[in-house]
Amino acid sequence: MLESVSLYLHVPFCHTRCYYCDFNTYAGLLSLREPYVRALLTEIELAGEMARTAAGAPRRARTIYFGGGTPSLLSAEQIRRLLDACRAAFAVDPEVEISLEANPGRLSRAHLQALRAAGVNRLSLGAQSFDPHLLKLLGRTHSPEDVAQAVRAARSAGFDSLNLDLMFGLPEQTMTQWRETLLRALELGPDHLSLYSLIVEEGTPFFTWVQEGRLVPADEDLCAEMYEYADALLQEAGYANYEISNWARPGHECRHNLTYWLNLPYLGLGAGAHSCFAGRRFSNVREPRQYLRLLASRQRPEAESETLSFETQMAETAILALRTARGLHLPSFRERFGLDFWQFAGQRLRHVSEAGLLEYDGTWLRLSKRGRLLGNEVFLCLLPDED
């Protein structure tokens, strides 16, 4: 697995920008879609050349993920061209998982059928809530019925792996509203659910409104109660909590996201995309027009780069694995790094272990049920000491 990569393709376009969003997204640039696709085709080619194996063969690609932004704003033909480029530059697995994020308010059955025919086999819908007031508060432009219609259209188009993104811990959100959102989501029968607690990020309208006192962040205890309620409800409905924020029916775990949790190599392509490959973490220029200019002259659009120390790689591997339900497999850690995990960790985890945040069975180390709510306290213990 360490000799292969996952591919992330960033599509930064949106019709409007949500009030909580701090991703590298832009409204009002839809006219750049085709030039952007052409630039992305060039970057895929350059990335394939850079990532070739020592023997000069194309690097194996396990998964492909179209994120954004709103990737569904691209035409199916543009998506097909990008997938063809990936297959030309990389040795893409025959059974590759190809995911695409979509806004449920602007999806037609015809577009979904064309996306499925182009090769997309997993759809992720940004539902966020089934409460009209909360959707408006978030700056979302779709309605709860739009989500239901999008799910029905996706199933009709042949998508048999479908995710819904939902948010909790929203300003003004009550437990009753959260319960209703979860029940409405379950009625639609998704194969996968991603539940995210709102983080108010600097630079967003939400951050400004909180600073001005116009919005009150959700209570932390209520957020924890919402998480625990969702976990119990979803597991009872047959969804396994395979990662802190993700639940799936058997066989529908997102393979692309597991790339991140297992700290495996990935290449991010597109404006502002991030990569972790060959011992380096690096990212592209964020502004789409600058990205276009660089690729027009066949320059790789890399903006920042960091060489990862051995200790950082070990720490991040442990932290990311502990986000999963299975946890960290200690024999695999030793095989990967040539060092026993406890030699690396030393006494760093003593305090959180005594506090009941960890479970250890001799082979696996994982967060306890309480530890999943307080995971950051564990993760901070594993971070390398600053120089």
Protein backbone atom coordinates (compact mmCIF):
# COMPACT_ATOMS: atom_id res chain seq x y z
CA MET A 1 0.00 0.00 0.00
CA LEU A 2 2.91 2.36 0.65
CA GLU A 3 3.99 1.91 -2.97
CA SER A 4 0.64 3.12 -4.34
CA VAL A 5 -1.22 6.44 -4.13
CA SER A 6 -4.69 7.87 -3.85
CA LEU A 7 -5.57 10.81 -6.10
CA TYR A 8 -7.52 13.84 -4.90
CA LEU A 9 -8.76 16.27 -7.59
CA HIS A 10 -9.86 19.65 -6.26
CA VAL A 11 -12.62 21.57 -8.04
CA PRO A 12 -12.84 24.99 -6.36
CA PHE A 13 -16.02 26.35 -7.97
CA CYS A 14 -19.30 27.08 -6.17
CA HIS A 15 -22.45 28.98 -7.05
CA THR A 16 -22.33 30.61 -3.62
CA ARG A 17 -19.98 30.31 -0.66
CA CYS A 18 -21.48 28.93 2.56
CA TYR A 19 -21.14 31.05 5.68
CA TYR A 20 -19.10 28.45 7.59
CA CYS A 21 -16.80 27.35 4.74
CA ASP A 22 -13.03 27.93 4.95
CA PHE A 23 -12.10 25.57 2.10
CA ASN A 24 -10.34 26.85 -1.00
CA THR A 25 -13.55 27.63 -2.90
CA TYR A 26 -14.71 30.50 -5.08
CA ALA A 27 -18.08 31.84 -6.23
CA GLY A 28 -18.35 33.80 -9.47
CA LEU A 29 -15.62 31.93 -11.38
CA LEU A 30 -17.73 29.40 -13.29
CA SER A 31 -16.42 30.77 -16.61
CA LEU A 32 -13.02 29.28 -15.67
CA ARG A 33 -14.29 25.70 -15.55
CA GLU A 34 -13.00 24.57 -18.95
CA PRO A 35 -9.59 26.36 -18.67
CA TYR A 36 -9.29 24.86 -15.19
CA VAL A 37 -10.00 21.35 -16.47
CA ARG A 38 -7.32 21.77 -19.14
CA ALA A 39 -4.83 22.89 -16.48
CA LEU A 40 -5.78 19.95 -14.28
CA LEU A 41 -5.20 17.58 -17.20
CA THR A 42 -1.68 18.96 -17.49
CA GLU A 43 -1.03 18.64 -13.77
CA ILE A 44 -2.23 15.02 -13.78
CA GLU A 45 0.28 14.28 -16.53
CA LEU A 46 3.10 16.02 -14.65
CA ALA A 47 2.18 14.28 -11.39
CA GLY A 48 2.22 10.91 -13.12
CA GLU A 49 5.73 11.57 -14.40
CA MET A 50 6.91 12.72 -10.95
CA ALA A 51 5.39 9.70 -9.18
CA ARG A 52 6.75 6.94 -11.44
CA THR A 53 8.35 4.01 -9.65
CA ALA A 54 12.11 3.49 -9.45
CA ALA A 55 11.74 1.14 -12.41
CA GLY A 56 10.05 3.88 -14.43
CA ALA A 57 6.59 2.30 -14.36
CA PRO A 58 3.39 4.26 -13.71
CA ARG A 59 2.53 4.46 -10.02
CA ARG A 60 -0.49 2.41 -8.95
CA ALA A 61 -3.54 4.51 -7.97
CA ARG A 62 -6.00 2.97 -5.49
CA THR A 63 -8.74 5.63 -5.31
CA ILE A 64 -9.78 8.86 -7.03
CA TYR A 65 -11.74 11.56 -5.21
CA PHE A 66 -13.28 14.71 -6.71
CA GLY A 67 -13.62 17.24 -3.88
CA GLY A 68 -14.34 20.93 -3.66
CA GLY A 69 -15.99 23.23 -3.95
CA THR A 70 -18.69 21.61 -5.98
CA PRO A 71 -17.25 19.05 -8.43
CA SER A 72 -20.73 18.32 -9.77
CA LEU A 73 -20.57 21.74 -11.45
CA LEU A 74 -18.27 20.14 -14.02
CA SER A 75 -19.91 18.36 -16.93
CA ALA A 76 -19.78 14.58 -17.13
CA GLU A 77 -17.61 14.94 -20.22
CA GLN A 78 -15.08 17.02 -18.27
CA ILE A 79 -15.07 14.40 -15.50
CA ARG A 80 -14.54 11.66 -18.09
CA ARG A 81 -11.55 13.52 -19.58
CA LEU A 82 -10.00 13.89 -16.13
CA LEU A 83 -10.47 10.20 -15.40
CA ASP A 84 -8.96 9.28 -18.77
CA ALA A 85 -5.94 11.43 -17.88
CA CYS A 86 -5.59 9.65 -14.53
CA ARG A 87 -5.60 6.29 -16.29
CA ALA A 88 -3.01 7.50 -18.80
CA ALA A 89 -0.65 8.83 -16.11
CA PHE A 90 -1.16 6.19 -13.38
CA ALA A 91 -1.81 2.46 -13.15
CA VAL A 92 -5.36 2.86 -11.90
CA ASP A 93 -6.81 -0.21 -10.19
CA PRO A 94 -9.53 -1.94 -12.24
CA GLU A 95 -11.88 -1.83 -9.22
CA VAL A 96 -10.95 1.74 -8.29
CA GLU A 97 -13.27 3.69 -6.00
CA ILE A 98 -14.14 6.99 -7.73
CA SER A 99 -15.96 9.43 -5.44
CA LEU A 100 -17.51 12.78 -6.33
CA GLU A 101 -18.96 15.44 -4.04
CA ALA A 102 -22.20 17.07 -5.13
CA ASN A 103 -24.63 19.78 -4.06
CA PRO A 104 -28.08 18.17 -3.75
CA GLY A 105 -29.90 21.29 -4.96
CA ARG A 106 -28.54 21.32 -8.50
CA LEU A 107 -28.52 17.70 -9.60
CA SER A 108 -30.57 16.24 -12.42
CA ARG A 109 -31.10 12.57 -13.11
CA ALA A 110 -29.57 13.03 -16.58
CA HIS A 111 -26.39 14.57 -15.13
CA LEU A 112 -26.11 11.80 -12.55
CA GLN A 113 -26.58 9.12 -15.22
CA ALA A 114 -23.81 10.74 -17.29
CA LEU A 115 -21.49 10.91 -14.27
CA ARG A 116 -22.12 7.23 -13.55
CA ALA A 117 -21.43 6.37 -17.19
CA ALA A 118 -18.20 8.38 -17.02
CA GLY A 119 -16.97 6.08 -14.25
CA VAL A 120 -17.94 7.76 -10.97
CA ASN A 121 -19.14 4.98 -8.65
CA ARG A 122 -19.51 6.72 -5.29
CA LEU A 123 -21.51 9.91 -4.66
CA SER A 124 -21.23 12.17 -1.62
CA LEU A 125 -24.10 14.62 -1.09
CA GLY A 126 -23.62 17.68 1.12
CA ALA A 127 -27.01 17.48 2.86
CA GLN A 128 -25.74 19.08 6.14
CA SER A 129 -29.24 19.30 7.70
CA PHE A 130 -32.89 18.49 7.08
CA ASP A 131 -34.04 21.61 8.92
CA PRO A 132 -34.92 24.51 6.54
CA HIS A 133 -34.01 27.17 9.11
CA LEU A 134 -30.58 25.68 9.79
CA LEU A 135 -29.87 25.26 6.07
CA LYS A 136 -30.59 28.96 5.61
CA LEU A 137 -28.42 29.81 8.61
CA LEU A 138 -25.53 27.87 7.03
CA GLY A 139 -25.94 29.65 3.71
CA ARG A 140 -26.98 26.46 1.92
CA THR A 141 -29.18 26.96 -1.14
CA HIS A 142 -30.91 23.57 -1.19
CA SER A 143 -34.00 22.35 0.68
CA PRO A 144 -34.58 19.09 2.59
CA GLU A 145 -36.72 17.85 -0.32
CA ASP A 146 -33.83 18.55 -2.72
CA VAL A 147 -31.76 16.03 -0.75
CA ALA A 148 -34.47 13.37 -1.00
CA GLN A 149 -34.87 14.01 -4.72
CA ALA A 150 -31.09 13.83 -5.25
CA VAL A 151 -30.89 10.48 -3.43
CA ARG A 152 -33.75 9.05 -5.51
CA ALA A 153 -32.15 10.34 -8.72
CA ALA A 154 -28.74 8.92 -7.74
CA ARG A 155 -30.20 5.47 -7.05
CA SER A 156 -32.07 5.59 -10.36
CA ALA A 157 -28.83 6.54 -12.12
CA GLY A 158 -27.10 3.44 -10.78
CA PHE A 159 -25.18 4.72 -7.74
CA ASP A 160 -25.06 1.90 -5.20
CA SER A 161 -22.60 3.66 -2.87
CA LEU A 162 -23.94 6.93 -1.55
CA ASN A 163 -22.86 9.16 1.33
CA LEU A 164 -24.65 11.98 3.13
CA ASP A 165 -22.68 14.69 4.95
CA LEU A 166 -24.45 16.06 8.05
CA MET A 167 -23.42 18.75 10.53
CA PHE A 168 -24.12 19.03 14.25
CA GLY A 169 -23.19 21.50 16.95
CA LEU A 170 -24.67 24.33 14.89
CA PRO A 171 -25.70 27.66 16.43
CA GLU A 172 -29.37 27.47 17.48
CA GLN A 173 -29.51 23.71 16.74
CA THR A 174 -31.52 21.70 19.26
CA MET A 175 -31.33 18.01 20.04
CA THR A 176 -34.83 17.66 18.57
CA GLN A 177 -33.66 19.14 15.26
CA TRP A 178 -30.61 16.85 15.23
CA ARG A 179 -32.73 13.79 15.95
CA GLU A 180 -35.11 14.71 13.13
CA THR A 181 -32.22 15.22 10.69
CA LEU A 182 -30.78 11.81 11.51
CA LEU A 183 -34.15 10.08 11.15
CA ARG A 184 -34.83 11.83 7.83
CA ALA A 185 -31.40 10.77 6.61
CA LEU A 186 -31.96 7.14 7.62
CA GLU A 187 -35.29 7.09 5.78
CA LEU A 188 -33.34 7.69 2.56
CA GLY A 189 -31.15 4.62 3.13
CA PRO A 190 -27.64 6.01 2.46
CA ASP A 191 -24.75 3.55 2.49
CA HIS A 192 -22.48 5.91 4.41
CA LEU A 193 -22.86 8.91 6.71
CA SER A 194 -20.24 11.51 7.62
CA LEU A 195 -21.13 13.60 10.67
CA TYR A 196 -19.11 16.72 11.39
CA SER A 197 -19.23 19.02 14.38
CA LEU A 198 -19.12 22.64 13.27
CA ILE A 199 -15.78 24.37 13.78
CA VAL A 200 -16.03 28.14 13.45
CA GLU A 201 -12.98 29.05 11.36
CA GLU A 202 -11.33 32.45 11.18
CA GLY A 203 -12.01 34.26 7.90
CA THR A 204 -15.58 32.98 7.56
CA PRO A 205 -18.80 34.99 8.06
CA PHE A 206 -19.62 32.69 10.97
CA PHE A 207 -16.39 33.71 12.73
CA THR A 208 -17.21 37.40 12.26
CA TRP A 209 -20.76 36.92 13.52
CA VAL A 210 -19.56 35.04 16.61
CA GLN A 211 -17.06 37.83 17.33
CA GLU A 212 -19.84 40.38 16.97
CA GLY A 213 -22.17 38.40 19.22
CA ARG A 214 -24.68 37.75 16.43
CA LEU A 215 -24.15 33.98 16.68
CA VAL A 216 -23.61 31.88 19.80
CA PRO A 217 -21.50 28.71 19.32
CA ALA A 218 -23.08 25.46 20.40
CA ASP A 219 -22.51 24.20 23.93
CA GLU A 220 -19.74 21.56 24.10
CA ASP A 221 -21.78 19.26 26.32
CA LEU A 222 -24.68 19.40 23.85
CA CYS A 223 -22.28 18.59 21.00
CA ALA A 224 -21.05 15.52 22.89
CA GLU A 225 -24.64 14.47 23.58
CA MET A 226 -25.48 14.86 19.87
CA TYR A 227 -22.51 12.72 18.90
CA GLU A 228 -23.33 9.95 21.35
CA TYR A 229 -26.98 9.93 20.31
CA ALA A 230 -26.04 9.69 16.61
CA ASP A 231 -23.56 6.89 17.25
CA ALA A 232 -26.12 4.79 19.13
CA LEU A 233 -28.86 5.43 16.56
CA LEU A 234 -26.69 4.67 13.54
CA GLN A 235 -25.15 1.54 14.99
CA GLU A 236 -28.62 0.25 15.85
CA ALA A 237 -29.58 0.92 12.20
CA GLY A 238 -26.68 -1.22 10.96
CA TYR A 239 -23.98 1.40 10.37
CA ALA A 240 -20.54 0.74 11.86
CA ASN A 241 -18.60 3.71 13.24
CA TYR A 242 -15.34 2.83 11.48
CA GLU A 243 -13.78 6.27 12.03
CA ILE A 244 -14.60 9.01 14.54
CA SER A 245 -16.74 10.99 12.06
CA ASN A 246 -17.82 8.22 9.66
CA TRP A 247 -20.41 5.43 9.73
CA ALA A 248 -20.97 2.88 6.98
CA ARG A 249 -22.92 -0.21 6.08
CA PRO A 250 -20.69 -3.28 5.67
CA GLY A 251 -18.52 -2.95 2.56
CA HIS A 252 -19.23 0.77 2.08
CA GLU A 253 -16.37 2.29 4.06
CA CYS A 254 -14.80 5.10 2.04
CA ARG A 255 -11.54 3.64 0.77
CA HIS A 256 -10.20 7.06 -0.18
CA ASN A 257 -10.65 8.45 3.32
CA LEU A 258 -9.01 5.34 4.77
CA THR A 259 -5.92 6.45 2.84
CA TYR A 260 -5.71 9.41 5.21
CA TRP A 261 -6.48 7.46 8.38
CA LEU A 262 -3.83 4.85 7.53
CA ASN A 263 -1.37 7.63 6.64
CA LEU A 264 -0.80 6.23 3.15
CA PRO A 265 0.59 8.29 0.24
CA TYR A 266 -1.76 10.58 -1.69
CA LEU A 267 -1.42 13.23 -4.38
CA GLY A 268 -3.64 16.31 -4.34
CA LEU A 269 -4.18 17.92 -7.74
CA GLY A 270 -5.81 21.27 -8.39
CA ALA A 271 -5.72 24.74 -6.86
CA GLY A 272 -4.86 24.58 -3.15
CA ALA A 273 -4.71 20.77 -3.07
CA HIS A 274 -2.45 19.06 -0.53
CA SER A 275 -0.25 15.99 -1.00
CA CYS A 276 1.76 13.60 1.16
CA PHE A 277 4.19 11.54 -0.88
CA ALA A 278 7.78 10.27 -0.67
CA GLY A 279 8.38 11.71 2.79
CA ARG A 280 7.16 15.20 1.90
CA ARG A 281 3.96 17.14 2.57
CA PHE A 282 3.32 19.80 -0.07
CA SER A 283 0.50 21.97 -1.40
CA ASN A 284 -0.42 23.88 -4.54
CA VAL A 285 -1.02 27.58 -5.08
CA ARG A 286 -4.53 28.45 -3.95
CA GLU A 287 -5.70 31.09 -6.42
CA PRO A 288 -7.24 29.49 -9.55
CA ARG A 289 -5.91 32.05 -12.03
CA GLN A 290 -2.36 31.68 -10.72
CA TYR A 291 -2.81 27.91 -10.96
CA LEU A 292 -3.88 28.29 -14.62
CA ARG A 293 -0.88 30.48 -15.45
CA LEU A 294 1.63 28.01 -14.01
CA LEU A 295 0.15 25.00 -15.77
CA ALA A 296 -0.07 26.90 -19.07
CA SER A 297 3.75 26.86 -19.04
CA ARG A 298 3.82 23.28 -17.71
CA GLN A 299 5.19 24.32 -14.33
CA ARG A 300 4.20 22.25 -11.32
CA PRO A 301 2.03 24.56 -9.16
CA GLU A 302 3.65 23.64 -5.84
CA ALA A 303 3.60 26.52 -3.34
CA GLU A 304 4.74 25.01 -0.03
CA SER A 305 6.70 21.92 0.95
CA GLU A 306 7.77 20.25 4.18
CA THR A 307 10.06 17.26 4.61
CA LEU A 308 8.60 15.05 7.31
CA SER A 309 10.92 13.86 10.05
CA PHE A 310 10.88 10.21 11.03
CA GLU A 311 9.32 11.12 14.38
CA THR A 312 6.60 13.18 12.69
CA GLN A 313 5.73 10.29 10.38
CA MET A 314 5.44 7.93 13.34
CA ALA A 315 3.32 10.39 15.34
CA GLU A 316 0.96 11.10 12.47
CA THR A 317 0.57 7.42 11.65
CA ALA A 318 -0.42 6.72 15.27
CA ILE A 319 -2.76 9.72 15.56
CA LEU A 320 -4.59 9.00 12.33
CA ALA A 321 -4.97 5.28 13.07
CA LEU A 322 -6.41 6.09 16.49
CA ARG A 323 -9.24 7.95 14.76
CA THR A 324 -10.47 4.62 13.42
CA ALA A 325 -12.55 2.08 15.31
CA ARG A 326 -9.92 -0.64 14.88
CA GLY A 327 -7.18 1.65 16.13
CA LEU A 328 -3.43 1.30 15.70
CA HIS A 329 -2.11 -2.16 14.79
CA LEU A 330 1.14 -2.29 16.73
CA PRO A 331 2.86 -5.07 14.70
CA SER A 332 2.20 -3.08 11.50
CA PHE A 333 3.65 0.04 13.12
CA ARG A 334 6.83 -1.86 13.98
CA GLU A 335 7.05 -3.33 10.48
CA ARG A 336 6.62 0.09 8.88
CA PHE A 337 9.07 2.02 11.05
CA GLY A 338 11.41 -0.65 12.43
CA LEU A 339 10.64 0.55 15.97
CA ASP A 340 8.31 -0.73 18.64
CA PHE A 341 5.45 1.72 19.24
CA TRP A 342 6.08 1.86 22.99
CA GLN A 343 9.72 2.77 22.37
CA PHE A 344 8.41 5.72 20.36
CA ALA A 345 5.62 6.69 22.75
CA GLY A 346 7.54 6.21 26.00
CA GLN A 347 5.53 7.71 28.85
CA ARG A 348 3.61 10.16 26.65
CA LEU A 349 0.34 8.24 26.93
CA ARG A 350 0.50 7.37 30.60
CA HIS A 351 -1.80 10.18 31.75
CA VAL A 352 -4.52 9.62 29.12
CA SER A 353 -4.31 5.86 29.58
CA GLU A 354 -4.84 6.19 33.33
CA ALA A 355 -7.77 8.50 32.56
CA GLY A 356 -9.45 5.66 30.66
CA LEU A 357 -9.14 7.16 27.18
CA LEU A 358 -7.32 4.18 25.66
CA GLU A 359 -7.84 0.43 25.30
CA TYR A 360 -4.95 -1.98 24.67
CA ASP A 361 -5.17 -5.72 23.99
CA GLY A 362 -1.52 -6.45 23.25
CA THR A 363 -1.88 -6.10 19.47
CA TRP A 364 -4.20 -3.14 18.94
CA LEU A 365 -4.31 0.25 20.64
CA ARG A 366 -7.57 2.17 20.28
CA LEU A 367 -9.56 4.97 21.82
CA SER A 368 -12.13 3.95 24.41
CA LYS A 369 -15.72 5.14 24.03
CA ARG A 370 -14.91 8.10 26.27
CA GLY A 371 -11.64 8.59 24.43
CA ARG A 372 -13.48 9.17 21.14
CA LEU A 373 -15.05 12.26 22.70
CA LEU A 374 -11.69 13.47 24.02
CA GLY A 375 -9.45 12.21 21.24
CA ASN A 376 -7.57 15.48 20.85
CA GLU A 377 -6.16 15.07 24.35
CA VAL A 378 -4.64 11.75 23.26
CA PHE A 379 -3.40 13.10 19.93
CA LEU A 380 -1.63 16.05 21.56
CA CYS A 381 0.39 13.64 23.68
CA LEU A 382 1.79 12.01 20.54
CA LEU A 383 2.86 15.14 18.72
CA PRO A 384 6.64 15.60 18.45
CA ASP A 385 8.20 18.11 20.81
CA GLU A 386 8.79 21.47 19.14
CA ASP A 387 12.42 22.39 18.64
